[in-house]
Amino acid sequence: MSGGTSALQLAILGQEDKINKIKLLLQSGVNPDQEDNTRNIAHTTVAREIIIRTQPTNIVQELEILFLLSSCINDFNFTLLHKVILRICPINLSSLVEGRDSHILTQLDIEDQFRITPI
């Protein structure tokens, strides 16, 4: 650990050869759900990378294969609208919003765990 950050966290946040480092650590038995000394969980960090899509598409696709987002999705306080926009819930967005349901429209301003609104 570097300053309390796990090797897996460092690999996820790093840039060079990220996927190979992550694969090696996971194959070595590193637990992606274990909290490190900074109270971060690798699985959550990777989910954030996937959701926010800060990485190139090929990296995001590899991360989606290595880490099942569905196993921690309920930890993020997503509204239905978040889930639809992130393509977690297969509902047509336009038909959902066109209905002008006040419950759905209220969700436009609700932040998730990462302080991000659906749109």
Foldseek 3Di string as FASTA:
>chain_A
DVVFDDQLQCLLPDDPPSLVSNVVCVVVPDDQQDQTRVRDGNLVVLLCCLQVVPDPPVVSVSSCVVHPNVVCVVVWPQDVLLCCLSVVDVDDPVVVVVVVDVVVVVQQCDAINVGDGSD
